[in-house]
Amino acid sequence: MKVLFAGTPQAAVEPLKHLVDQEDLDVVAVLTRPDAPVGRKKTLTPSPVAQAAAELGLAVIKADRVDAAVIDQILVTGAQVGAVVAYGALLKPAALEALPMGWVNLHFSALPAWRGAAPVQQSLLAGETTAAATTFVLDEGMDTGPVLRRFTDPVRADDVAGTVLNRLSEVGAPVLAESLRDLANGVTPTPQTGQGTKAPKLTGTDGRIDWNQPAERIAARVRAVTPEPGAWTELDGARFKITGHVVQRHEPDAQEVPAPPGQVMIHHGSVLVGTGSHPVELTLVQPAGKKSMAASDWARGRMTGADTSEVKFA
């Protein structure tokens, strides 16, 4: 079976590599988004999928939308089916009809829940404790096509969106391959049922922590926005990033420590912050102008010999 792979971010790299390794699947080309500016210098950089495709010796088509010219390039490859993992653009009817077997998408949610660009981030923000992925046949809607396969995976205590995405990518790679085989073998996909929810991309504003919220909501927000767009607060008028998960401290001795929202404390060697309910423990932080570090290392330098009551996040 000749396969066109369409994907852009790092989460799509493992599925691409897995498909290339399958003897019965022939990845004839890769479709990905054009090079994008990266870093402070805004250097034009190929997508992670484009870089992986180059290493694998695959032909690469770069396009931000699949118009008539791109469809012509796709047809030249002889592809019979498309395999999609976070390509980053909706396919219009002409593109959907271009390949004889259609397109199979690996989406990182239990559809119809969390349709859109940020399913993992939005599900974690909602406090869900089980991650999921679904393979389905693309249609004209936003992640509305009929389902071939799905699986679930528990969210670990130290997970953030990045680690969940990595794991779903790895586990989902062989599921995508099996879904392509299902389609080739005539398996009829199952229509989606139930109420759908939307998963729009998160912005930098979504990363700001409101310490007046309950600890569980703060923990969910930090988990959802890490590593992108990033969790942050303010300290001494400067942005202060929280680069790792936070731990809810339910035990009585931690809760008995006076902790107004945003107040930072060292308690038995741990760095705690007051919230609207019980404290949370910071694990990794990044003060303004510095690299990410263990919260305990930052606290020892920032709070030793200082008036700790002045160390408060805004």
C-alpha atoms as a PDB file:
ATOM      1  CA  MET A   1       0.000   0.000   0.000  1.00  0.00           C
ATOM      2  CA  LYS A   2       1.450   3.357  -1.045  1.00  0.00           C
ATOM      3  CA  VAL A   3       1.102   5.958   1.695  1.00  0.00           C
ATOM      4  CA  LEU A   4       1.389   9.739   1.720  1.00  0.00           C
ATOM      5  CA  PHE A   5       2.246  10.890   5.245  1.00  0.00           C
ATOM      6  CA  ALA A   6       1.015  14.330   6.326  1.00  0.00           C
ATOM      7  CA  GLY A   7       2.272  15.826   9.597  1.00  0.00           C
ATOM      8  CA  THR A   8       4.252  18.691  11.042  1.00  0.00           C
ATOM      9  CA  PRO A   9       5.226  18.698  14.767  1.00  0.00           C
ATOM     10  CA  GLN A  10       7.470  16.417  16.805  1.00  0.00           C
ATOM     11  CA  ALA A  11       4.471  14.320  17.867  1.00  0.00           C
ATOM     12  CA  ALA A  12       4.111  13.174  14.240  1.00  0.00           C
ATOM     13  CA  VAL A  13       7.706  11.967  13.863  1.00  0.00           C
ATOM     14  CA  GLU A  14       7.375   8.596  15.620  1.00  0.00           C
ATOM     15  CA  PRO A  15       4.287   7.584  13.580  1.00  0.00           C
ATOM     16  CA  LEU A  16       6.166   8.494  10.377  1.00  0.00           C
ATOM     17  CA  LYS A  17       9.177   6.403  11.343  1.00  0.00           C
ATOM     18  CA  HIS A  18       6.983   3.463  12.304  1.00  0.00           C
ATOM     19  CA  LEU A  19       5.149   3.497   8.970  1.00  0.00           C
ATOM     20  CA  VAL A  20       8.453   3.601   7.102  1.00  0.00           C
ATOM     21  CA  ASP A  21       9.545   0.470   8.991  1.00  0.00           C
ATOM     22  CA  GLN A  22       6.503  -1.564   7.888  1.00  0.00           C
ATOM     23  CA  GLU A  23       7.215  -3.961   5.028  1.00  0.00           C
ATOM     24  CA  ASP A  24       3.659  -3.827   3.696  1.00  0.00           C
ATOM     25  CA  LEU A  25       3.456  -0.022   3.761  1.00  0.00           C
ATOM     26  CA  ASP A  26       5.368   2.122   1.287  1.00  0.00           C
ATOM     27  CA  VAL A  27       5.655   5.777   2.357  1.00  0.00           C
ATOM     28  CA  VAL A  28       6.105   7.467  -1.004  1.00  0.00           C
ATOM     29  CA  ALA A  29       6.222  11.097   0.166  1.00  0.00           C
ATOM     30  CA  VAL A  30       5.656  13.431   3.093  1.00  0.00           C
ATOM     31  CA  LEU A  31       3.388  16.480   3.219  1.00  0.00           C
ATOM     32  CA  THR A  32       4.270  19.047   5.897  1.00  0.00           C
ATOM     33  CA  ARG A  33       3.918  22.734   6.660  1.00  0.00           C
ATOM     34  CA  PRO A  34       6.481  25.181   5.228  1.00  0.00           C
ATOM     35  CA  ASP A  35       9.617  26.184   7.147  1.00  0.00           C
ATOM     36  CA  ALA A  36       8.767  28.488  10.057  1.00  0.00           C
ATOM     37  CA  PRO A  37      10.743  31.071  12.074  1.00  0.00           C
ATOM     38  CA  VAL A  38      12.182  29.571  15.271  1.00  0.00           C
ATOM     39  CA  GLY A  39      13.981  31.115  18.253  1.00  0.00           C
ATOM     40  CA  ARG A  40      14.862  34.674  19.092  1.00  0.00           C
ATOM     41  CA  LYS A  41      16.567  35.169  15.733  1.00  0.00           C
ATOM     42  CA  LYS A  42      13.494  33.854  13.908  1.00  0.00           C
ATOM     43  CA  THR A  43      15.578  31.497  11.807  1.00  0.00           C
ATOM     44  CA  LEU A  44      13.540  29.713   9.133  1.00  0.00           C
ATOM     45  CA  THR A  45      13.586  26.057  10.187  1.00  0.00           C
ATOM     46  CA  PRO A  46      12.065  22.922   8.628  1.00  0.00           C
ATOM     47  CA  SER A  47       9.341  21.246  10.672  1.00  0.00           C
ATOM     48  CA  PRO A  48      10.319  18.225  12.793  1.00  0.00           C
ATOM     49  CA  VAL A  49       8.555  16.000  10.252  1.00  0.00           C
ATOM     50  CA  ALA A  50      10.425  17.619   7.347  1.00  0.00           C
ATOM     51  CA  GLN A  51      13.714  17.029   9.139  1.00  0.00           C
ATOM     52  CA  ALA A  52      12.830  13.398   9.855  1.00  0.00           C
ATOM     53  CA  ALA A  53      11.734  12.866   6.243  1.00  0.00           C
ATOM     54  CA  ALA A  54      15.036  14.238   4.964  1.00  0.00           C
ATOM     55  CA  GLU A  55      16.937  11.834   7.227  1.00  0.00           C
ATOM     56  CA  LEU A  56      14.812   8.970   5.927  1.00  0.00           C
ATOM     57  CA  GLY A  57      15.413   9.965   2.302  1.00  0.00           C
ATOM     58  CA  LEU A  58      11.751  10.694   1.586  1.00  0.00           C
ATOM     59  CA  ALA A  59      10.375  13.206  -0.894  1.00  0.00           C
ATOM     60  CA  VAL A  60       8.891  16.226   0.915  1.00  0.00           C
ATOM     61  CA  ILE A  61       6.026  18.470  -0.176  1.00  0.00           C
ATOM     62  CA  LYS A  62       5.823  21.697   1.852  1.00  0.00           C
ATOM     63  CA  ALA A  63       2.495  23.528   1.846  1.00  0.00           C
ATOM     64  CA  ASP A  64       0.275  25.357   4.285  1.00  0.00           C
ATOM     65  CA  ARG A  65      -2.846  24.356   2.354  1.00  0.00           C
ATOM     66  CA  VAL A  66      -3.613  21.576  -0.085  1.00  0.00           C
ATOM     67  CA  ASP A  67      -4.698  23.439  -3.207  1.00  0.00           C
ATOM     68  CA  ALA A  68      -4.843  22.236  -6.819  1.00  0.00           C
ATOM     69  CA  ALA A  69      -1.085  22.620  -7.319  1.00  0.00           C
ATOM     70  CA  VAL A  70      -0.310  20.570  -4.211  1.00  0.00           C
ATOM     71  CA  ILE A  71      -2.845  17.927  -5.215  1.00  0.00           C
ATOM     72  CA  ASP A  72      -0.991  17.576  -8.519  1.00  0.00           C
ATOM     73  CA  GLN A  73       2.242  16.975  -6.609  1.00  0.00           C
ATOM     74  CA  ILE A  74       0.501  14.367  -4.452  1.00  0.00           C
ATOM     75  CA  LEU A  75      -0.937  12.535  -7.457  1.00  0.00           C
ATOM     76  CA  VAL A  76       2.528  12.228  -9.014  1.00  0.00           C
ATOM     77  CA  THR A  77       3.642  10.156  -5.997  1.00  0.00           C
ATOM     78  CA  GLY A  78       1.119   7.411  -6.755  1.00  0.00           C
ATOM     79  CA  ALA A  79      -0.096   7.392  -3.155  1.00  0.00           C
ATOM     80  CA  GLN A  80      -3.243   5.348  -2.500  1.00  0.00           C
ATOM     81  CA  VAL A  81      -3.996   6.565   1.026  1.00  0.00           C
ATOM     82  CA  GLY A  82      -3.027   9.440   3.286  1.00  0.00           C
ATOM     83  CA  ALA A  83      -1.890   9.041   6.897  1.00  0.00           C
ATOM     84  CA  VAL A  84      -2.301  12.260   8.888  1.00  0.00           C
ATOM     85  CA  VAL A  85      -0.851  13.238  12.276  1.00  0.00           C
ATOM     86  CA  ALA A  86      -1.222  16.915  13.200  1.00  0.00           C
ATOM     87  CA  TYR A  87      -0.595  18.287   9.715  1.00  0.00           C
ATOM     88  CA  GLY A  88      -2.099  21.625  10.711  1.00  0.00           C
ATOM     89  CA  ALA A  89      -4.674  22.439   8.026  1.00  0.00           C
ATOM     90  CA  LEU A  90      -8.121  21.226   7.023  1.00  0.00           C
ATOM     91  CA  LEU A  91      -8.375  19.304   3.774  1.00  0.00           C
ATOM     92  CA  LYS A  92     -11.057  20.487   1.371  1.00  0.00           C
ATOM     93  CA  PRO A  93     -13.210  18.099  -0.702  1.00  0.00           C
ATOM     94  CA  ALA A  94     -10.859  18.103  -3.700  1.00  0.00           C
ATOM     95  CA  ALA A  95      -7.974  16.985  -1.507  1.00  0.00           C
ATOM     96  CA  LEU A  96     -10.082  14.424   0.362  1.00  0.00           C
ATOM     97  CA  GLU A  97     -11.112  12.864  -2.948  1.00  0.00           C
ATOM     98  CA  ALA A  98      -7.607  12.906  -4.466  1.00  0.00           C
ATOM     99  CA  LEU A  99      -6.509   9.586  -2.972  1.00  0.00           C
ATOM    100  CA  PRO A 100      -8.506   6.445  -3.837  1.00  0.00           C
ATOM    101  CA  MET A 101      -8.566   5.099  -0.253  1.00  0.00           C
ATOM    102  CA  GLY A 102      -8.978   8.444   1.461  1.00  0.00           C
ATOM    103  CA  TRP A 103      -7.124   9.754   4.496  1.00  0.00           C
ATOM    104  CA  VAL A 104      -6.702   8.255   7.973  1.00  0.00           C
ATOM    105  CA  ASN A 105      -5.996  10.648  10.844  1.00  0.00           C
ATOM    106  CA  LEU A 106      -4.410   9.879  14.223  1.00  0.00           C
ATOM    107  CA  HIS A 107      -5.938  12.386  16.647  1.00  0.00           C
ATOM    108  CA  PHE A 108      -4.895  12.661  20.277  1.00  0.00           C
ATOM    109  CA  SER A 109      -8.287  12.461  22.015  1.00  0.00           C
ATOM    110  CA  ALA A 110     -11.237  10.129  22.448  1.00  0.00           C
ATOM    111  CA  LEU A 111     -13.379  11.653  19.718  1.00  0.00           C
ATOM    112  CA  PRO A 112     -15.840  13.289  19.627  1.00  0.00           C
ATOM    113  CA  ALA A 113     -14.224  14.887  22.690  1.00  0.00           C
ATOM    114  CA  TRP A 114     -11.664  17.631  22.044  1.00  0.00           C
ATOM    115  CA  ARG A 115     -11.879  18.274  18.332  1.00  0.00           C
ATOM    116  CA  GLY A 116      -9.265  20.774  17.217  1.00  0.00           C
ATOM    117  CA  ALA A 117      -5.614  21.773  17.406  1.00  0.00           C
ATOM    118  CA  ALA A 118      -4.885  21.180  21.108  1.00  0.00           C
ATOM    119  CA  PRO A 119      -6.753  18.079  22.314  1.00  0.00           C
ATOM    120  CA  VAL A 120      -4.188  16.974  24.892  1.00  0.00           C
ATOM    121  CA  GLN A 121      -3.715  20.453  26.335  1.00  0.00           C
ATOM    122  CA  GLN A 122      -7.435  21.169  26.578  1.00  0.00           C
ATOM    123  CA  SER A 123      -8.250  17.790  28.135  1.00  0.00           C
ATOM    124  CA  LEU A 124      -5.576  18.279  30.790  1.00  0.00           C
ATOM    125  CA  LEU A 125      -6.787  21.820  31.436  1.00  0.00           C
ATOM    126  CA  ALA A 126     -10.233  20.345  32.078  1.00  0.00           C
ATOM    127  CA  GLY A 127      -8.687  18.078  34.707  1.00  0.00           C
ATOM    128  CA  GLU A 128      -9.059  14.789  32.856  1.00  0.00           C
ATOM    129  CA  THR A 129      -6.920  11.954  34.212  1.00  0.00           C
ATOM    130  CA  THR A 130      -7.073   9.670  31.170  1.00  0.00           C
ATOM    131  CA  ALA A 131      -5.473  10.519  27.829  1.00  0.00           C
ATOM    132  CA  ALA A 132      -6.671   8.981  24.584  1.00  0.00           C
ATOM    133  CA  ALA A 133      -6.155   8.809  20.838  1.00  0.00           C
ATOM    134  CA  THR A 134      -8.426   7.934  17.928  1.00  0.00           C
ATOM    135  CA  THR A 135      -7.854   6.980  14.310  1.00  0.00           C
ATOM    136  CA  PHE A 136     -10.612   8.022  11.928  1.00  0.00           C
ATOM    137  CA  VAL A 137     -11.294   8.632   8.253  1.00  0.00           C
ATOM    138  CA  LEU A 138     -11.146  12.309   7.367  1.00  0.00           C
ATOM    139  CA  ASP A 139     -14.242  14.073   6.090  1.00  0.00           C
ATOM    140  CA  GLU A 140     -15.053  17.738   5.523  1.00  0.00           C
ATOM    141  CA  GLY A 141     -15.647  18.512   9.215  1.00  0.00           C
ATOM    142  CA  MET A 142     -13.211  19.303  12.020  1.00  0.00           C
ATOM    143  CA  ASP A 143     -12.272  15.832  13.328  1.00  0.00           C
ATOM    144  CA  THR A 144     -15.787  14.526  12.662  1.00  0.00           C
ATOM    145  CA  GLY A 145     -15.092  11.472  10.493  1.00  0.00           C
ATOM    146  CA  PRO A 146     -15.950   7.834  11.314  1.00  0.00           C
ATOM    147  CA  VAL A 147     -13.685   5.969  13.741  1.00  0.00           C
ATOM    148  CA  LEU A 148     -11.427   3.010  13.001  1.00  0.00           C
ATOM    149  CA  ARG A 149      -9.617   2.518  16.327  1.00  0.00           C
ATOM    150  CA  ARG A 150      -9.079   4.241  19.678  1.00  0.00           C
ATOM    151  CA  PHE A 151      -7.080   3.654  22.847  1.00  0.00           C
ATOM    152  CA  THR A 152      -6.669   5.236  26.263  1.00  0.00           C
ATOM    153  CA  ASP A 153      -3.682   5.830  28.523  1.00  0.00           C
ATOM    154  CA  PRO A 154      -3.647   6.992  32.167  1.00  0.00           C
ATOM    155  CA  VAL A 155      -2.157  10.397  32.968  1.00  0.00           C
ATOM    156  CA  ARG A 156       0.806   9.937  35.341  1.00  0.00           C
ATOM    157  CA  ALA A 157       1.356  12.076  38.434  1.00  0.00           C
ATOM    158  CA  ASP A 158       4.364  13.851  36.902  1.00  0.00           C
ATOM    159  CA  ASP A 159       2.919  14.184  33.389  1.00  0.00           C
ATOM    160  CA  VAL A 160       2.644  17.442  31.487  1.00  0.00           C
ATOM    161  CA  ALA A 161       1.182  17.975  28.027  1.00  0.00           C
ATOM    162  CA  GLY A 162       4.553  17.326  26.388  1.00  0.00           C
ATOM    163  CA  THR A 163       5.092  13.933  28.004  1.00  0.00           C
ATOM    164  CA  VAL A 164       1.513  12.849  27.317  1.00  0.00           C
ATOM    165  CA  LEU A 165       1.869  13.807  23.646  1.00  0.00           C
ATOM    166  CA  ASN A 166       5.148  11.909  23.358  1.00  0.00           C
ATOM    167  CA  ARG A 167       3.606   8.785  24.838  1.00  0.00           C
ATOM    168  CA  LEU A 168       0.455   8.947  22.707  1.00  0.00           C
ATOM    169  CA  SER A 169       2.668   9.408  19.657  1.00  0.00           C
ATOM    170  CA  GLU A 170       4.662   6.282  20.463  1.00  0.00           C
ATOM    171  CA  VAL A 171       1.652   4.137  21.362  1.00  0.00           C
ATOM    172  CA  GLY A 172      -0.387   5.540  18.491  1.00  0.00           C
ATOM    173  CA  ALA A 173       2.182   4.825  15.787  1.00  0.00           C
ATOM    174  CA  PRO A 174       1.369   1.101  15.433  1.00  0.00           C
ATOM    175  CA  VAL A 175      -2.343   1.871  15.879  1.00  0.00           C
ATOM    176  CA  LEU A 176      -2.163   4.143  12.835  1.00  0.00           C
ATOM    177  CA  ALA A 177      -0.460   1.394  10.837  1.00  0.00           C
ATOM    178  CA  GLU A 178      -3.143  -1.128  11.824  1.00  0.00           C
ATOM    179  CA  SER A 179      -5.839   1.388  10.908  1.00  0.00           C
ATOM    180  CA  LEU A 180      -4.416   1.695   7.392  1.00  0.00           C
ATOM    181  CA  ARG A 181      -4.553  -2.072   7.125  1.00  0.00           C
ATOM    182  CA  ASP A 182      -8.145  -2.028   8.414  1.00  0.00           C
ATOM    183  CA  LEU A 183      -9.110   0.316   5.605  1.00  0.00           C
ATOM    184  CA  ALA A 184      -7.335  -1.853   3.027  1.00  0.00           C
ATOM    185  CA  ASN A 185      -9.117  -4.935   4.359  1.00  0.00           C
ATOM    186  CA  GLY A 186     -12.542  -3.359   3.993  1.00  0.00           C
ATOM    187  CA  VAL A 187     -13.264  -2.625   7.659  1.00  0.00           C
ATOM    188  CA  THR A 188     -16.184  -0.210   7.939  1.00  0.00           C
ATOM    189  CA  PRO A 189     -15.398   2.707  10.263  1.00  0.00           C
ATOM    190  CA  THR A 190     -17.943   3.596  12.972  1.00  0.00           C
ATOM    191  CA  PRO A 191     -19.658   7.007  12.921  1.00  0.00           C
ATOM    192  CA  GLN A 192     -18.925   9.230  15.885  1.00  0.00           C
ATOM    193  CA  THR A 193     -21.716   9.607  18.430  1.00  0.00           C
ATOM    194  CA  GLY A 194     -22.239  11.935  21.363  1.00  0.00           C
ATOM    195  CA  GLN A 195     -21.619  15.586  22.034  1.00  0.00           C
ATOM    196  CA  GLY A 196     -18.367  16.965  20.677  1.00  0.00           C
ATOM    197  CA  THR A 197     -16.128  19.432  22.503  1.00  0.00           C
ATOM    198  CA  LYS A 198     -13.680  21.909  20.984  1.00  0.00           C
ATOM    199  CA  ALA A 199      -9.931  22.095  21.594  1.00  0.00           C
ATOM    200  CA  PRO A 200      -8.576  25.425  20.315  1.00  0.00           C
ATOM    201  CA  LYS A 201      -4.888  26.199  20.556  1.00  0.00           C
ATOM    202  CA  LEU A 202      -3.753  27.690  23.879  1.00  0.00           C
ATOM    203  CA  THR A 203      -2.084  31.106  23.989  1.00  0.00           C
ATOM    204  CA  GLY A 204       0.447  32.727  26.296  1.00  0.00           C
ATOM    205  CA  THR A 205      -2.373  34.281  28.300  1.00  0.00           C
ATOM    206  CA  ASP A 206      -3.664  30.793  29.109  1.00  0.00           C
ATOM    207  CA  GLY A 207      -0.368  30.090  30.859  1.00  0.00           C
ATOM    208  CA  ARG A 208      -0.734  32.734  33.567  1.00  0.00           C
ATOM    209  CA  ILE A 209      -1.381  31.256  37.012  1.00  0.00           C
ATOM    210  CA  ASP A 210      -4.100  32.710  39.242  1.00  0.00           C
ATOM    211  CA  TRP A 211      -3.026  31.687  42.733  1.00  0.00           C
ATOM    212  CA  ASN A 212      -6.511  32.427  44.080  1.00  0.00           C
ATOM    213  CA  GLN A 213      -7.812  29.364  42.270  1.00  0.00           C
ATOM    214  CA  PRO A 214      -7.969  25.972  44.026  1.00  0.00           C
ATOM    215  CA  ALA A 215      -4.822  23.863  43.950  1.00  0.00           C
ATOM    216  CA  GLU A 216      -6.319  21.258  41.619  1.00  0.00           C
ATOM    217  CA  ARG A 217      -7.141  23.890  38.989  1.00  0.00           C
ATOM    218  CA  ILE A 218      -3.650  25.379  39.216  1.00  0.00           C
ATOM    219  CA  ALA A 219      -2.067  21.937  38.886  1.00  0.00           C
ATOM    220  CA  ALA A 220      -4.229  21.194  35.842  1.00  0.00           C
ATOM    221  CA  ARG A 221      -3.322  24.501  34.169  1.00  0.00           C
ATOM    222  CA  VAL A 222       0.414  24.038  34.680  1.00  0.00           C
ATOM    223  CA  ARG A 223       0.170  20.483  33.348  1.00  0.00           C
ATOM    224  CA  ALA A 224      -1.795  21.625  30.291  1.00  0.00           C
ATOM    225  CA  VAL A 225       0.477  24.481  29.169  1.00  0.00           C
ATOM    226  CA  THR A 226       3.853  22.757  29.714  1.00  0.00           C
ATOM    227  CA  PRO A 227       6.034  23.018  27.705  1.00  0.00           C
ATOM    228  CA  GLU A 228       3.969  25.226  25.351  1.00  0.00           C
ATOM    229  CA  PRO A 229       2.837  27.961  25.655  1.00  0.00           C
ATOM    230  CA  GLY A 230       4.318  27.734  29.169  1.00  0.00           C
ATOM    231  CA  ALA A 231       3.107  28.421  32.711  1.00  0.00           C
ATOM    232  CA  TRP A 232       4.081  31.705  34.319  1.00  0.00           C
ATOM    233  CA  THR A 233       3.447  34.148  37.113  1.00  0.00           C
ATOM    234  CA  GLU A 234       5.104  37.389  38.224  1.00  0.00           C
ATOM    235  CA  LEU A 235       7.724  37.980  40.910  1.00  0.00           C
ATOM    236  CA  ASP A 236       9.152  41.410  41.661  1.00  0.00           C
ATOM    237  CA  GLY A 237       7.505  42.748  38.504  1.00  0.00           C
ATOM    238  CA  ALA A 238       9.176  40.216  36.165  1.00  0.00           C
ATOM    239  CA  ARG A 239       7.821  37.104  34.501  1.00  0.00           C
ATOM    240  CA  PHE A 240       8.651  33.930  36.431  1.00  0.00           C
ATOM    241  CA  LYS A 241       8.147  30.637  34.565  1.00  0.00           C
ATOM    242  CA  ILE A 242       7.040  27.334  36.061  1.00  0.00           C
ATOM    243  CA  THR A 243       8.626  24.721  33.812  1.00  0.00           C
ATOM    244  CA  GLY A 244       7.614  21.459  35.520  1.00  0.00           C
ATOM    245  CA  HIS A 245       4.464  19.951  37.001  1.00  0.00           C
ATOM    246  CA  VAL A 246       3.262  21.081  40.425  1.00  0.00           C
ATOM    247  CA  VAL A 247       2.325  18.697  43.232  1.00  0.00           C
ATOM    248  CA  GLN A 248      -0.772  19.160  45.334  1.00  0.00           C
ATOM    249  CA  ARG A 249       0.139  18.934  49.017  1.00  0.00           C
ATOM    250  CA  HIS A 250      -2.831  17.438  50.819  1.00  0.00           C
ATOM    251  CA  GLU A 251      -0.991  16.186  53.924  1.00  0.00           C
ATOM    252  CA  PRO A 252      -1.988  17.925  57.194  1.00  0.00           C
ATOM    253  CA  ASP A 253       1.458  19.316  58.062  1.00  0.00           C
ATOM    254  CA  ALA A 254       1.713  21.117  54.723  1.00  0.00           C
ATOM    255  CA  GLN A 255      -1.813  22.463  54.915  1.00  0.00           C
ATOM    256  CA  GLU A 256      -1.236  23.839  58.383  1.00  0.00           C
ATOM    257  CA  VAL A 257       1.525  26.161  57.104  1.00  0.00           C
ATOM    258  CA  PRO A 258       0.114  29.704  56.744  1.00  0.00           C
ATOM    259  CA  ALA A 259      -0.139  30.151  52.990  1.00  0.00           C
ATOM    260  CA  PRO A 260      -1.986  33.115  51.471  1.00  0.00           C
ATOM    261  CA  PRO A 261      -2.469  32.741  47.702  1.00  0.00           C
ATOM    262  CA  GLY A 262       0.839  33.274  45.901  1.00  0.00           C
ATOM    263  CA  GLN A 263       2.968  33.186  49.077  1.00  0.00           C
ATOM    264  CA  VAL A 264       6.174  31.157  48.592  1.00  0.00           C
ATOM    265  CA  MET A 265       7.500  29.048  51.490  1.00  0.00           C
ATOM    266  CA  ILE A 266      10.153  26.426  52.127  1.00  0.00           C
ATOM    267  CA  HIS A 267       8.651  23.528  54.078  1.00  0.00           C
ATOM    268  CA  HIS A 268      10.756  20.456  54.926  1.00  0.00           C
ATOM    269  CA  GLY A 269      12.983  21.249  51.937  1.00  0.00           C
ATOM    270  CA  SER A 270      10.085  21.634  49.497  1.00  0.00           C
ATOM    271  CA  VAL A 271       9.033  24.880  47.841  1.00  0.00           C
ATOM    272  CA  LEU A 272       5.346  25.468  48.500  1.00  0.00           C
ATOM    273  CA  VAL A 273       3.030  28.168  47.176  1.00  0.00           C
ATOM    274  CA  GLY A 274      -0.280  29.127  48.731  1.00  0.00           C
ATOM    275  CA  THR A 275      -3.434  28.812  46.613  1.00  0.00           C
ATOM    276  CA  GLY A 276      -7.160  29.299  47.069  1.00  0.00           C
ATOM    277  CA  SER A 277      -7.266  25.917  48.820  1.00  0.00           C
ATOM    278  CA  HIS A 278      -4.247  23.842  49.911  1.00  0.00           C
ATOM    279  CA  PRO A 279      -0.601  24.526  48.910  1.00  0.00           C
ATOM    280  CA  VAL A 280       1.132  23.256  45.780  1.00  0.00           C
ATOM    281  CA  GLU A 281       4.779  22.253  45.519  1.00  0.00           C
ATOM    282  CA  LEU A 282       6.933  23.590  42.697  1.00  0.00           C
ATOM    283  CA  THR A 283       9.349  21.186  40.975  1.00  0.00           C
ATOM    284  CA  LEU A 284      11.050  23.173  38.164  1.00  0.00           C
ATOM    285  CA  VAL A 285      11.156  26.943  37.697  1.00  0.00           C
ATOM    286  CA  GLN A 286      12.811  29.528  35.477  1.00  0.00           C
ATOM    287  CA  PRO A 287      13.409  32.977  36.969  1.00  0.00           C
ATOM    288  CA  ALA A 288      13.646  35.931  34.584  1.00  0.00           C
ATOM    289  CA  GLY A 289      16.931  35.890  32.645  1.00  0.00           C
ATOM    290  CA  LYS A 290      17.983  32.436  33.874  1.00  0.00           C
ATOM    291  CA  LYS A 291      17.730  28.811  32.798  1.00  0.00           C
ATOM    292  CA  SER A 292      15.242  26.300  34.139  1.00  0.00           C
ATOM    293  CA  MET A 293      16.313  24.832  37.488  1.00  0.00           C
ATOM    294  CA  ALA A 294      15.066  22.796  40.426  1.00  0.00           C
ATOM    295  CA  ALA A 295      12.697  24.887  42.525  1.00  0.00           C
ATOM    296  CA  SER A 296      14.668  24.000  45.657  1.00  0.00           C
ATOM    297  CA  ASP A 297      17.893  25.376  44.121  1.00  0.00           C
ATOM    298  CA  TRP A 298      16.164  28.635  43.214  1.00  0.00           C
ATOM    299  CA  ALA A 299      14.586  28.963  46.647  1.00  0.00           C
ATOM    300  CA  ARG A 300      17.863  28.450  48.503  1.00  0.00           C
ATOM    301  CA  GLY A 301      19.455  31.292  46.564  1.00  0.00           C
ATOM    302  CA  ARG A 302      16.434  33.581  46.631  1.00  0.00           C
ATOM    303  CA  MET A 303      15.148  33.082  50.169  1.00  0.00           C
ATOM    304  CA  THR A 304      18.183  32.348  52.343  1.00  0.00           C
ATOM    305  CA  GLY A 305      18.686  35.272  54.718  1.00  0.00           C
ATOM    306  CA  ALA A 306      15.795  37.188  53.163  1.00  0.00           C
ATOM    307  CA  ASP A 307      12.429  38.192  54.527  1.00  0.00           C
ATOM    308  CA  THR A 308      10.510  35.248  53.110  1.00  0.00           C
ATOM    309  CA  SER A 309       7.189  37.043  53.555  1.00  0.00           C
ATOM    310  CA  GLU A 310       8.248  39.291  50.662  1.00  0.00           C
ATOM    311  CA  VAL A 311       8.598  36.389  48.244  1.00  0.00           C
ATOM    312  CA  LYS A 312       5.107  36.334  46.792  1.00  0.00           C
ATOM    313  CA  PHE A 313       3.878  35.680  43.270  1.00  0.00           C
ATOM    314  CA  ALA A 314       1.459  38.113  41.692  1.00  0.00           C
END
